[in-house]
Amino acid sequence: MEADAFTNVLNGILAGAEAENQQLLAKVEALPLVSAAAEHIRKGDFERFFCELLFPMERFVDGLLERQFPHSSEAQFVFKYSQFLEQHLERIFQKFEGFGCCADKARTVVAHLLKFFVTGKHISFDYTQGFTYHLPDKVLKTHDEILPFFSALRRLYYGYPDAYIQELADIHARAAEANAERKKPDTGFEAA
């Protein structure tokens, strides 16, 4: 019986979200831009859909970000593609640190990246504070690890995967090294 109740609640939430999407569409579907986009969808013309709807919207967003961050294309990228960044970071944290608080860790890294690109403040985390669940625990803990990973993700977004592949390999290597170090038996003697 509990499973049925859960299913009913979940269906209600999803139906409510879809209803909100439909209400929003109803408010704007008469606009020529939107009705033309719908026609392109019906025809399967993804190129015209992009050129006539998505591209103008992207240009608007780009203009807004350029005005706010005229000297930081990195800050512009963080704002425009924060979901892309967060999703990759979440998967990295899930793989190396487990599922607990991985979204919090991803948002923390993205927020610190943005702060660095806007203010120049070096990325560092305070592990002495009372709550650290939102801080990376094993990977991407330092400025010198985070910035190259961001740069590689940015290149990946634009179709250049080599740096991202290398960064993943480096993260794997550092994690393996840290695990090997933790597994060394404590003999009570230090190596000479």
C-alpha atoms as a PDB file:
ATOM      1  CA  MET A   1       0.000   0.000   0.000  1.00  0.00           C
ATOM      2  CA  GLU A   2       2.863   2.402   0.783  1.00  0.00           C
ATOM      3  CA  ALA A   3       4.302   1.927  -2.705  1.00  0.00           C
ATOM      4  CA  ASP A   4       0.966   2.950  -4.229  1.00  0.00           C
ATOM      5  CA  ALA A   5       0.849   6.081  -2.079  1.00  0.00           C
ATOM      6  CA  PHE A   6       4.389   6.988  -3.076  1.00  0.00           C
ATOM      7  CA  THR A   7       3.591   6.418  -6.755  1.00  0.00           C
ATOM      8  CA  ASN A   8       0.511   8.621  -6.464  1.00  0.00           C
ATOM      9  CA  VAL A   9       2.487  11.437  -4.837  1.00  0.00           C
ATOM     10  CA  LEU A  10       5.234  11.198  -7.456  1.00  0.00           C
ATOM     11  CA  ASN A  11       2.702  11.204 -10.301  1.00  0.00           C
ATOM     12  CA  GLY A  12       1.047  14.273  -8.775  1.00  0.00           C
ATOM     13  CA  ILE A  13       4.348  16.134  -8.585  1.00  0.00           C
ATOM     14  CA  LEU A  14       5.258  15.274 -12.170  1.00  0.00           C
ATOM     15  CA  ALA A  15       1.794  16.207 -13.423  1.00  0.00           C
ATOM     16  CA  GLY A  16       2.052  19.534 -11.598  1.00  0.00           C
ATOM     17  CA  ALA A  17       5.431  20.268 -13.194  1.00  0.00           C
ATOM     18  CA  GLU A  18       4.078  19.412 -16.642  1.00  0.00           C
ATOM     19  CA  ALA A  19       1.005  21.582 -16.021  1.00  0.00           C
ATOM     20  CA  GLU A  20       3.287  24.517 -15.138  1.00  0.00           C
ATOM     21  CA  ASN A  21       5.248  23.981 -18.356  1.00  0.00           C
ATOM     22  CA  GLN A  22       2.018  23.939 -20.358  1.00  0.00           C
ATOM     23  CA  GLN A  23       0.733  27.098 -18.632  1.00  0.00           C
ATOM     24  CA  LEU A  24       3.956  28.904 -19.441  1.00  0.00           C
ATOM     25  CA  LEU A  25       3.749  27.770 -23.056  1.00  0.00           C
ATOM     26  CA  ALA A  26       0.122  28.924 -23.274  1.00  0.00           C
ATOM     27  CA  LYS A  27       1.235  32.425 -22.270  1.00  0.00           C
ATOM     28  CA  VAL A  28       3.776  32.745 -25.077  1.00  0.00           C
ATOM     29  CA  GLU A  29       2.749  30.324 -27.843  1.00  0.00           C
ATOM     30  CA  ALA A  30       0.949  33.029 -29.833  1.00  0.00           C
ATOM     31  CA  LEU A  31       4.166  34.988 -30.245  1.00  0.00           C
ATOM     32  CA  PRO A  32       5.425  34.706 -33.845  1.00  0.00           C
ATOM     33  CA  LEU A  33       8.837  33.496 -32.683  1.00  0.00           C
ATOM     34  CA  VAL A  34       7.300  30.660 -30.657  1.00  0.00           C
ATOM     35  CA  SER A  35       4.723  29.614 -33.240  1.00  0.00           C
ATOM     36  CA  ALA A  36       7.465  29.515 -35.914  1.00  0.00           C
ATOM     37  CA  ALA A  37       9.612  27.380 -33.584  1.00  0.00           C
ATOM     38  CA  ALA A  38       6.703  24.983 -33.058  1.00  0.00           C
ATOM     39  CA  GLU A  39       6.301  24.683 -36.825  1.00  0.00           C
ATOM     40  CA  HIS A  40      10.008  23.863 -37.194  1.00  0.00           C
ATOM     41  CA  ILE A  41       9.610  21.154 -34.544  1.00  0.00           C
ATOM     42  CA  ARG A  42       6.626  19.634 -36.364  1.00  0.00           C
ATOM     43  CA  LYS A  43       8.658  19.578 -39.593  1.00  0.00           C
ATOM     44  CA  GLY A  44      11.719  18.098 -37.857  1.00  0.00           C
ATOM     45  CA  ASP A  45      13.813  21.069 -38.949  1.00  0.00           C
ATOM     46  CA  PHE A  46      16.225  21.306 -36.020  1.00  0.00           C
ATOM     47  CA  GLU A  47      18.532  23.719 -37.874  1.00  0.00           C
ATOM     48  CA  ARG A  48      15.803  26.333 -38.381  1.00  0.00           C
ATOM     49  CA  PHE A  49      14.588  25.747 -34.804  1.00  0.00           C
ATOM     50  CA  PHE A  50      18.078  26.562 -33.566  1.00  0.00           C
ATOM     51  CA  CYS A  51      18.587  29.536 -35.890  1.00  0.00           C
ATOM     52  CA  GLU A  52      15.240  31.180 -35.228  1.00  0.00           C
ATOM     53  CA  LEU A  53      14.681  30.436 -31.528  1.00  0.00           C
ATOM     54  CA  LEU A  54      17.692  29.109 -29.658  1.00  0.00           C
ATOM     55  CA  PHE A  55      20.348  31.249 -31.344  1.00  0.00           C
ATOM     56  CA  PRO A  56      18.563  34.572 -30.654  1.00  0.00           C
ATOM     57  CA  MET A  57      17.992  33.511 -27.046  1.00  0.00           C
ATOM     58  CA  GLU A  58      21.662  32.571 -26.685  1.00  0.00           C
ATOM     59  CA  ARG A  59      22.709  35.940 -28.119  1.00  0.00           C
ATOM     60  CA  PHE A  60      20.479  37.705 -25.585  1.00  0.00           C
ATOM     61  CA  VAL A  61      22.037  35.703 -22.726  1.00  0.00           C
ATOM     62  CA  ASP A  62      25.537  36.320 -24.116  1.00  0.00           C
ATOM     63  CA  GLY A  63      24.883  40.059 -24.281  1.00  0.00           C
ATOM     64  CA  LEU A  64      23.610  40.123 -20.716  1.00  0.00           C
ATOM     65  CA  LEU A  65      26.634  38.199 -19.435  1.00  0.00           C
ATOM     66  CA  GLU A  66      29.107  40.279 -21.444  1.00  0.00           C
ATOM     67  CA  ARG A  67      27.662  43.435 -19.910  1.00  0.00           C
ATOM     68  CA  GLN A  68      27.960  42.028 -16.379  1.00  0.00           C
ATOM     69  CA  PHE A  69      31.380  40.392 -16.828  1.00  0.00           C
ATOM     70  CA  PRO A  70      33.079  42.303 -19.662  1.00  0.00           C
ATOM     71  CA  HIS A  71      36.552  41.075 -18.719  1.00  0.00           C
ATOM     72  CA  SER A  72      35.849  37.465 -17.768  1.00  0.00           C
ATOM     73  CA  SER A  73      34.764  34.996 -20.396  1.00  0.00           C
ATOM     74  CA  GLU A  74      35.270  32.350 -17.698  1.00  0.00           C
ATOM     75  CA  ALA A  75      32.617  33.936 -15.439  1.00  0.00           C
ATOM     76  CA  GLN A  76      30.303  34.187 -18.434  1.00  0.00           C
ATOM     77  CA  PHE A  77      30.820  30.477 -19.116  1.00  0.00           C
ATOM     78  CA  VAL A  78      30.148  29.542 -15.485  1.00  0.00           C
ATOM     79  CA  PHE A  79      26.824  31.406 -15.507  1.00  0.00           C
ATOM     80  CA  LYS A  80      25.706  30.173 -18.900  1.00  0.00           C
ATOM     81  CA  TYR A  81      26.701  26.541 -18.423  1.00  0.00           C
ATOM     82  CA  SER A  82      26.472  26.062 -14.661  1.00  0.00           C
ATOM     83  CA  GLN A  83      24.247  23.002 -15.083  1.00  0.00           C
ATOM     84  CA  PHE A  84      26.785  21.388 -17.417  1.00  0.00           C
ATOM     85  CA  LEU A  85      29.552  22.064 -14.891  1.00  0.00           C
ATOM     86  CA  GLU A  86      27.520  20.870 -11.908  1.00  0.00           C
ATOM     87  CA  GLN A  87      26.493  17.629 -13.613  1.00  0.00           C
ATOM     88  CA  HIS A  88      30.104  16.721 -14.430  1.00  0.00           C
ATOM     89  CA  LEU A  89      31.289  17.630 -10.956  1.00  0.00           C
ATOM     90  CA  GLU A  90      28.481  15.619  -9.342  1.00  0.00           C
ATOM     91  CA  ARG A  91      29.500  12.524 -11.310  1.00  0.00           C
ATOM     92  CA  ILE A  92      33.138  12.981 -10.283  1.00  0.00           C
ATOM     93  CA  PHE A  93      32.166  13.317  -6.623  1.00  0.00           C
ATOM     94  CA  GLN A  94      29.798  10.341  -6.856  1.00  0.00           C
ATOM     95  CA  LYS A  95      32.541   8.165  -8.318  1.00  0.00           C
ATOM     96  CA  PHE A  96      35.300   9.092  -5.892  1.00  0.00           C
ATOM     97  CA  GLU A  97      33.466  10.220  -2.752  1.00  0.00           C
ATOM     98  CA  GLY A  98      30.102   8.474  -2.912  1.00  0.00           C
ATOM     99  CA  PHE A  99      26.624   9.826  -3.478  1.00  0.00           C
ATOM    100  CA  GLY A 100      26.288  11.743  -0.199  1.00  0.00           C
ATOM    101  CA  CYS A 101      26.171  15.514  -0.696  1.00  0.00           C
ATOM    102  CA  CYS A 102      27.696  15.321  -4.187  1.00  0.00           C
ATOM    103  CA  ALA A 103      25.296  18.021  -5.453  1.00  0.00           C
ATOM    104  CA  ASP A 104      26.299  20.295  -2.561  1.00  0.00           C
ATOM    105  CA  LYS A 105      29.978  19.733  -3.357  1.00  0.00           C
ATOM    106  CA  ALA A 106      29.408  20.463  -7.047  1.00  0.00           C
ATOM    107  CA  ARG A 107      27.571  23.725  -6.275  1.00  0.00           C
ATOM    108  CA  THR A 108      30.315  24.725  -3.845  1.00  0.00           C
ATOM    109  CA  VAL A 109      33.014  24.230  -6.473  1.00  0.00           C
ATOM    110  CA  VAL A 110      31.031  26.152  -9.100  1.00  0.00           C
ATOM    111  CA  ALA A 111      30.398  29.017  -6.655  1.00  0.00           C
ATOM    112  CA  HIS A 112      34.097  29.209  -5.762  1.00  0.00           C
ATOM    113  CA  LEU A 113      35.072  29.116  -9.433  1.00  0.00           C
ATOM    114  CA  LEU A 114      32.763  32.043 -10.125  1.00  0.00           C
ATOM    115  CA  LYS A 115      34.134  33.970  -7.162  1.00  0.00           C
ATOM    116  CA  PHE A 116      37.680  33.374  -8.430  1.00  0.00           C
ATOM    117  CA  PHE A 117      36.847  34.559 -11.958  1.00  0.00           C
ATOM    118  CA  VAL A 118      35.057  37.663 -10.689  1.00  0.00           C
ATOM    119  CA  THR A 119      37.272  38.694  -7.758  1.00  0.00           C
ATOM    120  CA  GLY A 120      40.516  36.794  -8.284  1.00  0.00           C
ATOM    121  CA  LYS A 121      40.137  35.202  -4.826  1.00  0.00           C
ATOM    122  CA  HIS A 122      42.148  31.972  -4.769  1.00  0.00           C
ATOM    123  CA  ILE A 123      39.954  28.876  -4.310  1.00  0.00           C
ATOM    124  CA  SER A 124      40.420  27.387  -0.860  1.00  0.00           C
ATOM    125  CA  PHE A 125      38.063  25.534   1.415  1.00  0.00           C
ATOM    126  CA  ASP A 126      37.875  25.821   5.186  1.00  0.00           C
ATOM    127  CA  TYR A 127      37.879  22.268   6.498  1.00  0.00           C
ATOM    128  CA  THR A 128      37.975  23.479  10.123  1.00  0.00           C
ATOM    129  CA  GLN A 129      34.417  24.812  10.100  1.00  0.00           C
ATOM    130  CA  GLY A 130      31.669  22.927  11.914  1.00  0.00           C
ATOM    131  CA  PHE A 131      29.972  21.585   8.798  1.00  0.00           C
ATOM    132  CA  THR A 132      32.001  20.395   5.833  1.00  0.00           C
ATOM    133  CA  TYR A 133      29.507  18.110   4.071  1.00  0.00           C
ATOM    134  CA  HIS A 134      29.491  20.533   1.110  1.00  0.00           C
ATOM    135  CA  LEU A 135      33.268  20.471   0.651  1.00  0.00           C
ATOM    136  CA  PRO A 136      35.133  18.037  -1.587  1.00  0.00           C
ATOM    137  CA  ASP A 137      36.648  15.285   0.525  1.00  0.00           C
ATOM    138  CA  LYS A 138      38.975  13.344  -1.787  1.00  0.00           C
ATOM    139  CA  VAL A 139      39.167  14.974  -5.220  1.00  0.00           C
ATOM    140  CA  LEU A 140      39.124  18.525  -6.584  1.00  0.00           C
ATOM    141  CA  LYS A 141      40.006  19.952  -3.189  1.00  0.00           C
ATOM    142  CA  THR A 142      42.501  22.610  -4.258  1.00  0.00           C
ATOM    143  CA  HIS A 143      42.738  25.585  -6.557  1.00  0.00           C
ATOM    144  CA  ASP A 144      45.433  23.793  -8.555  1.00  0.00           C
ATOM    145  CA  GLU A 145      43.171  20.764  -9.108  1.00  0.00           C
ATOM    146  CA  ILE A 146      39.956  22.676  -9.814  1.00  0.00           C
ATOM    147  CA  LEU A 147      41.164  25.209 -12.388  1.00  0.00           C
ATOM    148  CA  PRO A 148      42.647  22.705 -14.854  1.00  0.00           C
ATOM    149  CA  PHE A 149      39.521  20.573 -14.514  1.00  0.00           C
ATOM    150  CA  PHE A 150      37.330  23.607 -15.269  1.00  0.00           C
ATOM    151  CA  SER A 151      39.477  24.487 -18.262  1.00  0.00           C
ATOM    152  CA  ALA A 152      39.214  20.908 -19.525  1.00  0.00           C
ATOM    153  CA  LEU A 153      35.421  20.905 -19.067  1.00  0.00           C
ATOM    154  CA  ARG A 154      35.184  24.169 -20.968  1.00  0.00           C
ATOM    155  CA  ARG A 155      37.198  22.703 -23.833  1.00  0.00           C
ATOM    156  CA  LEU A 156      35.043  19.557 -23.743  1.00  0.00           C
ATOM    157  CA  TYR A 157      31.919  21.671 -24.096  1.00  0.00           C
ATOM    158  CA  TYR A 158      33.333  23.161 -27.289  1.00  0.00           C
ATOM    159  CA  GLY A 159      34.198  19.733 -28.709  1.00  0.00           C
ATOM    160  CA  TYR A 160      37.801  19.244 -27.614  1.00  0.00           C
ATOM    161  CA  PRO A 161      37.875  16.211 -25.280  1.00  0.00           C
ATOM    162  CA  ASP A 162      41.629  15.569 -24.940  1.00  0.00           C
ATOM    163  CA  ALA A 163      42.251  17.813 -21.915  1.00  0.00           C
ATOM    164  CA  TYR A 164      39.148  16.424 -20.171  1.00  0.00           C
ATOM    165  CA  ILE A 165      40.301  12.852 -20.753  1.00  0.00           C
ATOM    166  CA  GLN A 166      43.713  13.758 -19.331  1.00  0.00           C
ATOM    167  CA  GLU A 167      42.170  15.449 -16.291  1.00  0.00           C
ATOM    168  CA  LEU A 168      40.041  12.359 -15.622  1.00  0.00           C
ATOM    169  CA  ALA A 169      43.152  10.191 -15.859  1.00  0.00           C
ATOM    170  CA  ASP A 170      44.961  12.513 -13.427  1.00  0.00           C
ATOM    171  CA  ILE A 171      42.054  12.381 -10.962  1.00  0.00           C
ATOM    172  CA  HIS A 172      42.021   8.584 -11.167  1.00  0.00           C
ATOM    173  CA  ALA A 173      45.780   8.459 -10.585  1.00  0.00           C
ATOM    174  CA  ARG A 174      45.635  10.811  -7.574  1.00  0.00           C
ATOM    175  CA  ALA A 175      42.731   8.836  -6.094  1.00  0.00           C
ATOM    176  CA  ALA A 176      44.546   5.516  -6.583  1.00  0.00           C
ATOM    177  CA  GLU A 177      47.679   6.967  -4.996  1.00  0.00           C
ATOM    178  CA  ALA A 178      45.687   8.265  -2.016  1.00  0.00           C
ATOM    179  CA  ASN A 179      43.974   4.879  -1.587  1.00  0.00           C
ATOM    180  CA  ALA A 180      47.312   3.047  -1.735  1.00  0.00           C
ATOM    181  CA  GLU A 181      48.735   5.434   0.867  1.00  0.00           C
ATOM    182  CA  ARG A 182      45.791   4.778   3.195  1.00  0.00           C
ATOM    183  CA  LYS A 183      46.166   1.004   2.842  1.00  0.00           C
ATOM    184  CA  LYS A 184      49.847   0.902   3.872  1.00  0.00           C
ATOM    185  CA  PRO A 185      50.170  -0.946   7.170  1.00  0.00           C
ATOM    186  CA  ASP A 186      51.283   1.094  10.148  1.00  0.00           C
ATOM    187  CA  THR A 187      54.363  -0.711  11.495  1.00  0.00           C
ATOM    188  CA  GLY A 188      55.207   1.941  14.018  1.00  0.00           C
ATOM    189  CA  PHE A 189      58.457   2.680  12.197  1.00  0.00           C
ATOM    190  CA  GLU A 190      59.089   5.490   9.775  1.00  0.00           C
ATOM    191  CA  ALA A 191      60.969   4.801   6.581  1.00  0.00           C
ATOM    192  CA  ALA A 192      64.547   6.053   6.624  1.00  0.00           C
END
